[in-house]
Amino acid sequence: MFEKDDKKRLYWLMDQYLSGRIDGRTFCDEYYYSYDLEIDYETFSGVEQKVFTELSSVSSRFSEFREDIEQHPGAYFTEKELRQKIQETQEKLNRVEKNKGSH
């Protein structure tokens, strides 16, 4: 486990969620505590800053309640949309890492 101000914690949280060890609400809460409250954005690369900010936009408007989704179309993201965004974020970060290694 990583401290809340360590950007490695964001990578770990994505892994925990995608492997089913934590649920969407827990992911979003913990992501908020780390990304929005604790981490020094100066530690991010340009790509990390972009994709983590995009993920923050989705995670901050996640709702596990069907009623929220139905009553307020477009205001909240579903579990499926959250999972897709986390997978997309991981893929983008992995591509950057892979490209670094190929030079």
PDB file of N, CA and C in Angstrom:
ATOM      1  N   MET A   1       0.837  -1.180   0.000  1.00  0.00           N
ATOM      2  CA  MET A   1       0.000   0.000   0.000  1.00  0.00           C
ATOM      3  C   MET A   1       0.884   1.245   0.000  1.00  0.00           C
ATOM      4  N   PHE A   2       0.369   2.308  -0.555  1.00  0.00           N
ATOM      5  CA  PHE A   2       1.124   3.538  -0.692  1.00  0.00           C
ATOM      6  C   PHE A   2       0.460   4.656   0.103  1.00  0.00           C
ATOM      7  N   GLU A   3       1.267   5.643   0.465  1.00  0.00           N
ATOM      8  CA  GLU A   3       0.734   6.824   1.132  1.00  0.00           C
ATOM      9  C   GLU A   3      -0.207   7.561   0.183  1.00  0.00           C
ATOM     10  N   LYS A   4      -1.145   8.314   0.722  1.00  0.00           N
ATOM     11  CA  LYS A   4      -2.140   9.003  -0.112  1.00  0.00           C
ATOM     12  C   LYS A   4      -1.533  10.087  -0.991  1.00  0.00           C
ATOM     13  N   ASP A   5      -0.330  10.555  -0.674  1.00  0.00           N
ATOM     14  CA  ASP A   5       0.300  11.586  -1.493  1.00  0.00           C
ATOM     15  C   ASP A   5       1.288  11.010  -2.521  1.00  0.00           C
ATOM     16  N   ASP A   6       1.316   9.697  -2.661  1.00  0.00           N
ATOM     17  CA  ASP A   6       2.205   9.025  -3.616  1.00  0.00           C
ATOM     18  C   ASP A   6       1.411   8.681  -4.875  1.00  0.00           C
ATOM     19  N   LYS A   7       1.873   9.142  -6.029  1.00  0.00           N
ATOM     20  CA  LYS A   7       1.116   8.888  -7.254  1.00  0.00           C
ATOM     21  C   LYS A   7       1.022   7.391  -7.576  1.00  0.00           C
ATOM     22  N   LYS A   8       1.928   6.593  -7.038  1.00  0.00           N
ATOM     23  CA  LYS A   8       1.841   5.146  -7.238  1.00  0.00           C
ATOM     24  C   LYS A   8       0.541   4.590  -6.670  1.00  0.00           C
ATOM     25  N   ARG A   9      -0.017   5.295  -5.688  1.00  0.00           N
ATOM     26  CA  ARG A   9      -1.292   4.863  -5.100  1.00  0.00           C
ATOM     27  C   ARG A   9      -2.406   4.879  -6.146  1.00  0.00           C
ATOM     28  N   LEU A  10      -2.381   5.827  -7.079  1.00  0.00           N
ATOM     29  CA  LEU A  10      -3.406   5.890  -8.125  1.00  0.00           C
ATOM     30  C   LEU A  10      -3.334   4.660  -9.018  1.00  0.00           C
ATOM     31  N   TYR A  11      -2.121   4.252  -9.362  1.00  0.00           N
ATOM     32  CA  TYR A  11      -1.933   3.038 -10.163  1.00  0.00           C
ATOM     33  C   TYR A  11      -2.441   1.823  -9.380  1.00  0.00           C
ATOM     34  N   TRP A  12      -2.102   1.776  -8.105  1.00  0.00           N
ATOM     35  CA  TRP A  12      -2.518   0.669  -7.240  1.00  0.00           C
ATOM     36  C   TRP A  12      -4.039   0.621  -7.112  1.00  0.00           C
ATOM     37  N   LEU A  13      -4.681   1.783  -6.952  1.00  0.00           N
ATOM     38  CA  LEU A  13      -6.138   1.821  -6.842  1.00  0.00           C
ATOM     39  C   LEU A  13      -6.805   1.287  -8.115  1.00  0.00           C
ATOM     40  N   MET A  14      -6.271   1.662  -9.264  1.00  0.00           N
ATOM     41  CA  MET A  14      -6.836   1.149 -10.520  1.00  0.00           C
ATOM     42  C   MET A  14      -6.714  -0.370 -10.578  1.00  0.00           C
ATOM     43  N   ASP A  15      -5.557  -0.882 -10.191  1.00  0.00           N
ATOM     44  CA  ASP A  15      -5.360  -2.344 -10.164  1.00  0.00           C
ATOM     45  C   ASP A  15      -6.329  -3.016  -9.193  1.00  0.00           C
ATOM     46  N   GLN A  16      -6.490  -2.420  -8.029  1.00  0.00           N
ATOM     47  CA  GLN A  16      -7.391  -2.992  -7.023  1.00  0.00           C
ATOM     48  C   GLN A  16      -8.826  -3.051  -7.545  1.00  0.00           C
ATOM     49  N   TYR A  17      -9.255  -1.986  -8.194  1.00  0.00           N
ATOM     50  CA  TYR A  17     -10.616  -1.948  -8.723  1.00  0.00           C
ATOM     51  C   TYR A  17     -10.801  -2.967  -9.853  1.00  0.00           C
ATOM     52  N   LEU A  18      -9.904  -2.964 -10.810  1.00  0.00           N
ATOM     53  CA  LEU A  18     -10.061  -3.843 -11.971  1.00  0.00           C
ATOM     54  C   LEU A  18      -9.943  -5.319 -11.602  1.00  0.00           C
ATOM     55  N   SER A  19      -9.251  -5.611 -10.517  1.00  0.00           N
ATOM     56  CA  SER A  19      -9.140  -7.003 -10.077  1.00  0.00           C
ATOM     57  C   SER A  19     -10.284  -7.405  -9.145  1.00  0.00           C
ATOM     58  N   GLY A  20     -11.187  -6.461  -8.841  1.00  0.00           N
ATOM     59  CA  GLY A  20     -12.347  -6.778  -8.015  1.00  0.00           C
ATOM     60  C   GLY A  20     -12.094  -6.732  -6.524  1.00  0.00           C
ATOM     61  N   ARG A  21     -10.939  -6.223  -6.103  1.00  0.00           N
ATOM     62  CA  ARG A  21     -10.631  -6.169  -4.673  1.00  0.00           C
ATOM     63  C   ARG A  21     -11.338  -5.015  -3.960  1.00  0.00           C
ATOM     64  N   ILE A  22     -11.698  -3.967  -4.730  1.00  0.00           N
ATOM     65  CA  ILE A  22     -12.480  -2.864  -4.169  1.00  0.00           C
ATOM     66  C   ILE A  22     -13.610  -2.542  -5.139  1.00  0.00           C
ATOM     67  N   ASP A  23     -14.676  -1.955  -4.616  1.00  0.00           N
ATOM     68  CA  ASP A  23     -15.814  -1.621  -5.471  1.00  0.00           C
ATOM     69  C   ASP A  23     -15.684  -0.184  -5.995  1.00  0.00           C
ATOM     70  N   GLY A  24     -16.634   0.206  -6.836  1.00  0.00           N
ATOM     71  CA  GLY A  24     -16.597   1.519  -7.464  1.00  0.00           C
ATOM     72  C   GLY A  24     -16.619   2.661  -6.473  1.00  0.00           C
ATOM     73  N   ARG A  25     -17.469   2.584  -5.472  1.00  0.00           N
ATOM     74  CA  ARG A  25     -17.566   3.650  -4.465  1.00  0.00           C
ATOM     75  C   ARG A  25     -16.256   3.796  -3.716  1.00  0.00           C
ATOM     76  N   THR A  26     -15.666   2.674  -3.311  1.00  0.00           N
ATOM     77  CA  THR A  26     -14.392   2.719  -2.584  1.00  0.00           C
ATOM     78  C   THR A  26     -13.305   3.309  -3.470  1.00  0.00           C
ATOM     79  N   PHE A  27     -13.260   2.876  -4.729  1.00  0.00           N
ATOM     80  CA  PHE A  27     -12.278   3.431  -5.653  1.00  0.00           C
ATOM     81  C   PHE A  27     -12.420   4.948  -5.736  1.00  0.00           C
ATOM     82  N   CYS A  28     -13.637   5.416  -5.977  1.00  0.00           N
ATOM     83  CA  CYS A  28     -13.873   6.852  -6.164  1.00  0.00           C
ATOM     84  C   CYS A  28     -13.523   7.652  -4.915  1.00  0.00           C
ATOM     85  N   ASP A  29     -13.888   7.139  -3.761  1.00  0.00           N
ATOM     86  CA  ASP A  29     -13.566   7.826  -2.508  1.00  0.00           C
ATOM     87  C   ASP A  29     -12.050   7.908  -2.312  1.00  0.00           C
ATOM     88  N   GLU A  30     -11.376   6.789  -2.487  1.00  0.00           N
ATOM     89  CA  GLU A  30      -9.931   6.753  -2.274  1.00  0.00           C
ATOM     90  C   GLU A  30      -9.183   7.555  -3.340  1.00  0.00           C
ATOM     91  N   TYR A  31      -9.678   7.523  -4.564  1.00  0.00           N
ATOM     92  CA  TYR A  31      -9.078   8.311  -5.643  1.00  0.00           C
ATOM     93  C   TYR A  31      -9.188   9.797  -5.298  1.00  0.00           C
ATOM     94  N   TYR A  32     -10.341  10.206  -4.835  1.00  0.00           N
ATOM     95  CA  TYR A  32     -10.552  11.599  -4.430  1.00  0.00           C
ATOM     96  C   TYR A  32      -9.577  11.996  -3.321  1.00  0.00           C
ATOM     97  N   TYR A  33      -9.465  11.168  -2.290  1.00  0.00           N
ATOM     98  CA  TYR A  33      -8.579  11.493  -1.174  1.00  0.00           C
ATOM     99  C   TYR A  33      -7.143  11.671  -1.654  1.00  0.00           C
ATOM    100  N   SER A  34      -6.721  10.827  -2.586  1.00  0.00           N
ATOM    101  CA  SER A  34      -5.346  10.915  -3.069  1.00  0.00           C
ATOM    102  C   SER A  34      -5.180  12.002  -4.125  1.00  0.00           C
ATOM    103  N   TYR A  35      -5.920  11.884  -5.217  1.00  0.00           N
ATOM    104  CA  TYR A  35      -5.711  12.788  -6.353  1.00  0.00           C
ATOM    105  C   TYR A  35      -6.109  14.228  -6.037  1.00  0.00           C
ATOM    106  N   ASP A  36      -7.279  14.416  -5.499  1.00  0.00           N
ATOM    107  CA  ASP A  36      -7.780  15.771  -5.298  1.00  0.00           C
ATOM    108  C   ASP A  36      -7.261  16.454  -4.035  1.00  0.00           C
ATOM    109  N   LEU A  37      -6.892  15.687  -3.035  1.00  0.00           N
ATOM    110  CA  LEU A  37      -6.526  16.296  -1.760  1.00  0.00           C
ATOM    111  C   LEU A  37      -5.042  16.210  -1.401  1.00  0.00           C
ATOM    112  N   GLU A  38      -4.363  15.160  -1.813  1.00  0.00           N
ATOM    113  CA  GLU A  38      -3.029  14.910  -1.267  1.00  0.00           C
ATOM    114  C   GLU A  38      -1.863  15.063  -2.246  1.00  0.00           C
ATOM    115  N   ILE A  39      -2.040  14.646  -3.475  1.00  0.00           N
ATOM    116  CA  ILE A  39      -0.911  14.528  -4.406  1.00  0.00           C
ATOM    117  C   ILE A  39      -0.446  15.889  -4.911  1.00  0.00           C
ATOM    118  N   ASP A  40       0.860  16.021  -5.012  1.00  0.00           N
ATOM    119  CA  ASP A  40       1.478  17.195  -5.618  1.00  0.00           C
ATOM    120  C   ASP A  40       1.498  16.971  -7.124  1.00  0.00           C
ATOM    121  N   TYR A  41       0.729  17.756  -7.856  1.00  0.00           N
ATOM    122  CA  TYR A  41       0.600  17.564  -9.307  1.00  0.00           C
ATOM    123  C   TYR A  41       1.921  17.739 -10.047  1.00  0.00           C
ATOM    124  N   GLU A  42       2.889  18.359  -9.411  1.00  0.00           N
ATOM    125  CA  GLU A  42       4.207  18.534 -10.022  1.00  0.00           C
ATOM    126  C   GLU A  42       4.918  17.198 -10.238  1.00  0.00           C
ATOM    127  N   THR A  43       4.468  16.153  -9.544  1.00  0.00           N
ATOM    128  CA  THR A  43       5.116  14.841  -9.683  1.00  0.00           C
ATOM    129  C   THR A  43       4.632  14.089 -10.920  1.00  0.00           C
ATOM    130  N   PHE A  44       3.609  14.601 -11.606  1.00  0.00           N
ATOM    131  CA  PHE A  44       3.040  13.925 -12.770  1.00  0.00           C
ATOM    132  C   PHE A  44       3.765  14.301 -14.059  1.00  0.00           C
ATOM    133  N   SER A  45       3.853  13.333 -14.956  1.00  0.00           N
ATOM    134  CA  SER A  45       4.267  13.643 -16.326  1.00  0.00           C
ATOM    135  C   SER A  45       3.069  14.311 -17.005  1.00  0.00           C
ATOM    136  N   GLY A  46       3.262  14.835 -18.185  1.00  0.00           N
ATOM    137  CA  GLY A  46       2.165  15.468 -18.912  1.00  0.00           C
ATOM    138  C   GLY A  46       1.023  14.510 -19.183  1.00  0.00           C
ATOM    139  N   VAL A  47       1.357  13.286 -19.589  1.00  0.00           N
ATOM    140  CA  VAL A  47       0.331  12.281 -19.878  1.00  0.00           C
ATOM    141  C   VAL A  47      -0.403  11.889 -18.604  1.00  0.00           C
ATOM    142  N   GLU A  48       0.336  11.683 -17.525  1.00  0.00           N
ATOM    143  CA  GLU A  48      -0.300  11.329 -16.255  1.00  0.00           C
ATOM    144  C   GLU A  48      -1.276  12.427 -15.831  1.00  0.00           C
ATOM    145  N   GLN A  49      -0.854  13.666 -15.927  1.00  0.00           N
ATOM    146  CA  GLN A  49      -1.719  14.781 -15.531  1.00  0.00           C
ATOM    147  C   GLN A  49      -3.022  14.741 -16.322  1.00  0.00           C
ATOM    148  N   LYS A  50      -2.914  14.545 -17.633  1.00  0.00           N
ATOM    149  CA  LYS A  50      -4.096  14.544 -18.502  1.00  0.00           C
ATOM    150  C   LYS A  50      -5.039  13.389 -18.163  1.00  0.00           C
ATOM    151  N   VAL A  51      -4.509  12.167 -18.121  1.00  0.00           N
ATOM    152  CA  VAL A  51      -5.397  11.010 -17.932  1.00  0.00           C
ATOM    153  C   VAL A  51      -5.943  10.920 -16.513  1.00  0.00           C
ATOM    154  N   PHE A  52      -5.160  11.328 -15.518  1.00  0.00           N
ATOM    155  CA  PHE A  52      -5.671  11.307 -14.150  1.00  0.00           C
ATOM    156  C   PHE A  52      -6.729  12.388 -13.928  1.00  0.00           C
ATOM    157  N   THR A  53      -6.585  13.518 -14.600  1.00  0.00           N
ATOM    158  CA  THR A  53      -7.611  14.565 -14.513  1.00  0.00           C
ATOM    159  C   THR A  53      -8.905  14.086 -15.160  1.00  0.00           C
ATOM    160  N   GLU A  54      -8.793  13.434 -16.313  1.00  0.00           N
ATOM    161  CA  GLU A  54      -9.984  12.885 -16.974  1.00  0.00           C
ATOM    162  C   GLU A  54     -10.661  11.846 -16.091  1.00  0.00           C
ATOM    163  N   LEU A  55      -9.873  10.977 -15.474  1.00  0.00           N
ATOM    164  CA  LEU A  55     -10.428   9.957 -14.585  1.00  0.00           C
ATOM    165  C   LEU A  55     -11.089  10.612 -13.371  1.00  0.00           C
ATOM    166  N   SER A  56     -10.522  11.677 -12.880  1.00  0.00           N
ATOM    167  CA  SER A  56     -11.115  12.393 -11.754  1.00  0.00           C
ATOM    168  C   SER A  56     -12.495  12.936 -12.115  1.00  0.00           C
ATOM    169  N   SER A  57     -12.643  13.411 -13.349  1.00  0.00           N
ATOM    170  CA  SER A  57     -13.940  13.929 -13.802  1.00  0.00           C
ATOM    171  C   SER A  57     -15.017  12.848 -13.775  1.00  0.00           C
ATOM    172  N   VAL A  58     -14.643  11.640 -14.139  1.00  0.00           N
ATOM    173  CA  VAL A  58     -15.597  10.524 -14.129  1.00  0.00           C
ATOM    174  C   VAL A  58     -15.835  10.042 -12.700  1.00  0.00           C
ATOM    175  N   SER A  59     -14.765   9.836 -11.951  1.00  0.00           N
ATOM    176  CA  SER A  59     -14.918   9.268 -10.604  1.00  0.00           C
ATOM    177  C   SER A  59     -15.672  10.223  -9.672  1.00  0.00           C
ATOM    178  N   SER A  60     -15.544  11.522  -9.887  1.00  0.00           N
ATOM    179  CA  SER A  60     -16.232  12.469  -9.012  1.00  0.00           C
ATOM    180  C   SER A  60     -17.735  12.526  -9.285  1.00  0.00           C
ATOM    181  N   ARG A  61     -18.164  12.004 -10.420  1.00  0.00           N
ATOM    182  CA  ARG A  61     -19.588  12.004 -10.751  1.00  0.00           C
ATOM    183  C   ARG A  61     -20.131  10.580 -10.904  1.00  0.00           C
ATOM    184  N   PHE A  62     -19.480   9.637 -10.258  1.00  0.00           N
ATOM    185  CA  PHE A  62     -19.933   8.241 -10.259  1.00  0.00           C
ATOM    186  C   PHE A  62     -21.083   8.075  -9.268  1.00  0.00           C
ATOM    187  N   SER A  63     -22.070   7.285  -9.660  1.00  0.00           N
ATOM    188  CA  SER A  63     -23.118   6.900  -8.724  1.00  0.00           C
ATOM    189  C   SER A  63     -23.435   5.426  -8.901  1.00  0.00           C
ATOM    190  N   GLU A  64     -23.501   4.720  -7.794  1.00  0.00           N
ATOM    191  CA  GLU A  64     -23.884   3.307  -7.833  1.00  0.00           C
ATOM    192  C   GLU A  64     -25.395   3.136  -7.763  1.00  0.00           C
ATOM    193  N   PHE A  65     -26.116   4.241  -7.706  1.00  0.00           N
ATOM    194  CA  PHE A  65     -27.573   4.187  -7.571  1.00  0.00           C
ATOM    195  C   PHE A  65     -28.269   4.395  -8.911  1.00  0.00           C
ATOM    196  N   ARG A  66     -29.023   3.400  -9.321  1.00  0.00           N
ATOM    197  CA  ARG A  66     -29.748   3.452 -10.591  1.00  0.00           C
ATOM    198  C   ARG A  66     -30.690   4.657 -10.653  1.00  0.00           C
ATOM    199  N   GLU A  67     -31.283   4.985  -9.517  1.00  0.00           N
ATOM    200  CA  GLU A  67     -32.216   6.118  -9.470  1.00  0.00           C
ATOM    201  C   GLU A  67     -31.524   7.426  -9.871  1.00  0.00           C
ATOM    202  N   ASP A  68     -30.289   7.626  -9.412  1.00  0.00           N
ATOM    203  CA  ASP A  68     -29.542   8.830  -9.786  1.00  0.00           C
ATOM    204  C   ASP A  68     -29.363   8.900 -11.298  1.00  0.00           C
ATOM    205  N   ILE A  69     -28.976   7.783 -11.867  1.00  0.00           N
ATOM    206  CA  ILE A  69     -28.704   7.708 -13.303  1.00  0.00           C
ATOM    207  C   ILE A  69     -29.987   7.990 -14.091  1.00  0.00           C
ATOM    208  N   GLU A  70     -31.079   7.383 -13.656  1.00  0.00           N
ATOM    209  CA  GLU A  70     -32.348   7.531 -14.370  1.00  0.00           C
ATOM    210  C   GLU A  70     -32.953   8.920 -14.200  1.00  0.00           C
ATOM    211  N   GLN A  71     -32.889   9.463 -13.008  1.00  0.00           N
ATOM    212  CA  GLN A  71     -33.522  10.755 -12.731  1.00  0.00           C
ATOM    213  C   GLN A  71     -32.717  11.950 -13.238  1.00  0.00           C
ATOM    214  N   HIS A  72     -31.409  11.754 -13.422  1.00  0.00           N
ATOM    215  CA  HIS A  72     -30.543  12.853 -13.834  1.00  0.00           C
ATOM    216  C   HIS A  72     -29.635  12.403 -14.993  1.00  0.00           C
ATOM    217  N   PRO A  73     -30.227  12.161 -16.162  1.00  0.00           N
ATOM    218  CA  PRO A  73     -29.435  11.671 -17.298  1.00  0.00           C
ATOM    219  C   PRO A  73     -28.269  12.611 -17.615  1.00  0.00           C
ATOM    220  N   GLY A  74     -27.109  12.019 -17.780  1.00  0.00           N
ATOM    221  CA  GLY A  74     -25.925  12.788 -18.126  1.00  0.00           C
ATOM    222  C   GLY A  74     -25.204  13.418 -16.952  1.00  0.00           C
ATOM    223  N   ALA A  75     -25.799  13.381 -15.775  1.00  0.00           N
ATOM    224  CA  ALA A  75     -25.174  14.007 -14.610  1.00  0.00           C
ATOM    225  C   ALA A  75     -24.207  13.060 -13.899  1.00  0.00           C
ATOM    226  N   TYR A  76     -24.479  11.761 -13.984  1.00  0.00           N
ATOM    227  CA  TYR A  76     -23.685  10.772 -13.265  1.00  0.00           C
ATOM    228  C   TYR A  76     -23.132   9.722 -14.226  1.00  0.00           C
ATOM    229  N   PHE A  77     -22.055   9.082 -13.777  1.00  0.00           N
ATOM    230  CA  PHE A  77     -21.481   7.972 -14.525  1.00  0.00           C
ATOM    231  C   PHE A  77     -21.824   6.656 -13.836  1.00  0.00           C
ATOM    232  N   THR A  78     -22.038   5.628 -14.635  1.00  0.00           N
ATOM    233  CA  THR A  78     -22.382   4.298 -14.132  1.00  0.00           C
ATOM    234  C   THR A  78     -21.115   3.508 -13.805  1.00  0.00           C
ATOM    235  N   GLU A  79     -21.318   2.370 -13.188  1.00  0.00           N
ATOM    236  CA  GLU A  79     -20.213   1.448 -12.889  1.00  0.00           C
ATOM    237  C   GLU A  79     -19.508   1.043 -14.182  1.00  0.00           C
ATOM    238  N   LYS A  80     -20.282   0.764 -15.214  1.00  0.00           N
ATOM    239  CA  LYS A  80     -19.707   0.363 -16.503  1.00  0.00           C
ATOM    240  C   LYS A  80     -18.831   1.476 -17.079  1.00  0.00           C
ATOM    241  N   GLU A  81     -19.326   2.700 -17.007  1.00  0.00           N
ATOM    242  CA  GLU A  81     -18.553   3.837 -17.532  1.00  0.00           C
ATOM    243  C   GLU A  81     -17.296   4.085 -16.708  1.00  0.00           C
ATOM    244  N   LEU A  82     -17.386   3.918 -15.404  1.00  0.00           N
ATOM    245  CA  LEU A  82     -16.222   4.059 -14.537  1.00  0.00           C
ATOM    246  C   LEU A  82     -15.180   3.016 -14.905  1.00  0.00           C
ATOM    247  N   ARG A  83     -15.600   1.761 -15.017  1.00  0.00           N
ATOM    248  CA  ARG A  83     -14.678   0.677 -15.373  1.00  0.00           C
ATOM    249  C   ARG A  83     -14.004   0.966 -16.713  1.00  0.00           C
ATOM    250  N   GLN A  84     -14.783   1.415 -17.698  1.00  0.00           N
ATOM    251  CA  GLN A  84     -14.219   1.730 -19.015  1.00  0.00           C
ATOM    252  C   GLN A  84     -13.172   2.835 -18.919  1.00  0.00           C
ATOM    253  N   LYS A  85     -13.443   3.856 -18.126  1.00  0.00           N
ATOM    254  CA  LYS A  85     -12.498   4.970 -17.988  1.00  0.00           C
ATOM    255  C   LYS A  85     -11.231   4.525 -17.286  1.00  0.00           C
ATOM    256  N   ILE A  86     -11.354   3.681 -16.284  1.00  0.00           N
ATOM    257  CA  ILE A  86     -10.170   3.180 -15.584  1.00  0.00           C
ATOM    258  C   ILE A  86      -9.344   2.317 -16.535  1.00  0.00           C
ATOM    259  N   GLN A  87      -9.991   1.450 -17.300  1.00  0.00           N
ATOM    260  CA  GLN A  87      -9.273   0.620 -18.262  1.00  0.00           C
ATOM    261  C   GLN A  87      -8.569   1.484 -19.309  1.00  0.00           C
ATOM    262  N   GLU A  88      -9.274   2.485 -19.815  1.00  0.00           N
ATOM    263  CA  GLU A  88      -8.702   3.401 -20.805  1.00  0.00           C
ATOM    264  C   GLU A  88      -7.496   4.143 -20.219  1.00  0.00           C
ATOM    265  N   THR A  89      -7.611   4.588 -18.994  1.00  0.00           N
ATOM    266  CA  THR A  89      -6.516   5.291 -18.324  1.00  0.00           C
ATOM    267  C   THR A  89      -5.303   4.391 -18.200  1.00  0.00           C
ATOM    268  N   GLN A  90      -5.531   3.171 -17.759  1.00  0.00           N
ATOM    269  CA  GLN A  90      -4.436   2.217 -17.610  1.00  0.00           C
ATOM    270  C   GLN A  90      -3.766   1.927 -18.951  1.00  0.00           C
ATOM    271  N   GLU A  91      -4.571   1.749 -19.986  1.00  0.00           N
ATOM    272  CA  GLU A  91      -4.026   1.472 -21.314  1.00  0.00           C
ATOM    273  C   GLU A  91      -3.159   2.620 -21.815  1.00  0.00           C
ATOM    274  N   LYS A  92      -3.608   3.838 -21.639  1.00  0.00           N
ATOM    275  CA  LYS A  92      -2.827   5.010 -22.068  1.00  0.00           C
ATOM    276  C   LYS A  92      -1.507   5.091 -21.306  1.00  0.00           C
ATOM    277  N   LEU A  93      -1.561   4.867 -20.015  1.00  0.00           N
ATOM    278  CA  LEU A  93      -0.345   4.922 -19.208  1.00  0.00           C
ATOM    279  C   LEU A  93       0.612   3.793 -19.576  1.00  0.00           C
ATOM    280  N   ASN A  94       0.066   2.617 -19.854  1.00  0.00           N
ATOM    281  CA  ASN A  94       0.908   1.485 -20.260  1.00  0.00           C
ATOM    282  C   ASN A  94       1.578   1.736 -21.601  1.00  0.00           C
ATOM    283  N   ARG A  95       0.857   2.364 -22.542  1.00  0.00           N
ATOM    284  CA  ARG A  95       1.444   2.681 -23.852  1.00  0.00           C
ATOM    285  C   ARG A  95       2.613   3.653 -23.706  1.00  0.00           C
ATOM    286  N   VAL A  96       2.448   4.634 -22.834  1.00  0.00           N
ATOM    287  CA  VAL A  96       3.522   5.599 -22.609  1.00  0.00           C
ATOM    288  C   VAL A  96       4.745   4.889 -22.035  1.00  0.00           C
ATOM    289  N   GLU A  97       4.524   4.014 -21.069  1.00  0.00           N
ATOM    290  CA  GLU A  97       5.632   3.266 -20.464  1.00  0.00           C
ATOM    291  C   GLU A  97       6.313   2.378 -21.496  1.00  0.00           C
ATOM    292  N   LYS A  98       5.507   1.717 -22.320  1.00  0.00           N
ATOM    293  CA  LYS A  98       6.050   0.823 -23.350  1.00  0.00           C
ATOM    294  C   LYS A  98       6.896   1.617 -24.351  1.00  0.00           C
ATOM    295  N   ASN A  99       6.409   2.807 -24.731  1.00  0.00           N
ATOM    296  CA  ASN A  99       7.158   3.649 -25.668  1.00  0.00           C
ATOM    297  C   ASN A  99       8.460   4.161 -25.080  1.00  0.00           C
ATOM    298  N   LYS A 100       8.473   4.410 -23.784  1.00  0.00           N
ATOM    299  CA  LYS A 100       9.708   4.833 -23.125  1.00  0.00           C
ATOM    300  C   LYS A 100      10.762   3.739 -23.223  1.00  0.00           C
ATOM    301  N   GLY A 101      10.312   2.508 -23.037  1.00  0.00           N
ATOM    302  CA  GLY A 101      11.228   1.376 -23.052  1.00  0.00           C
ATOM    303  C   GLY A 101      11.761   1.024 -24.429  1.00  0.00           C
ATOM    304  N   SER A 102      11.089   1.455 -25.486  1.00  0.00           N
ATOM    305  CA  SER A 102      11.484   1.073 -26.843  1.00  0.00           C
ATOM    306  C   SER A 102      12.479   2.050 -27.452  1.00  0.00           C
ATOM    307  N   HIS A 103      12.812   3.118 -26.729  1.00  0.00           N
ATOM    308  CA  HIS A 103      13.756   4.105 -27.288  1.00  0.00           C
ATOM    309  C   HIS A 103      15.152   3.825 -26.832  1.00  0.00           C
TER     310      HIS A 103
END
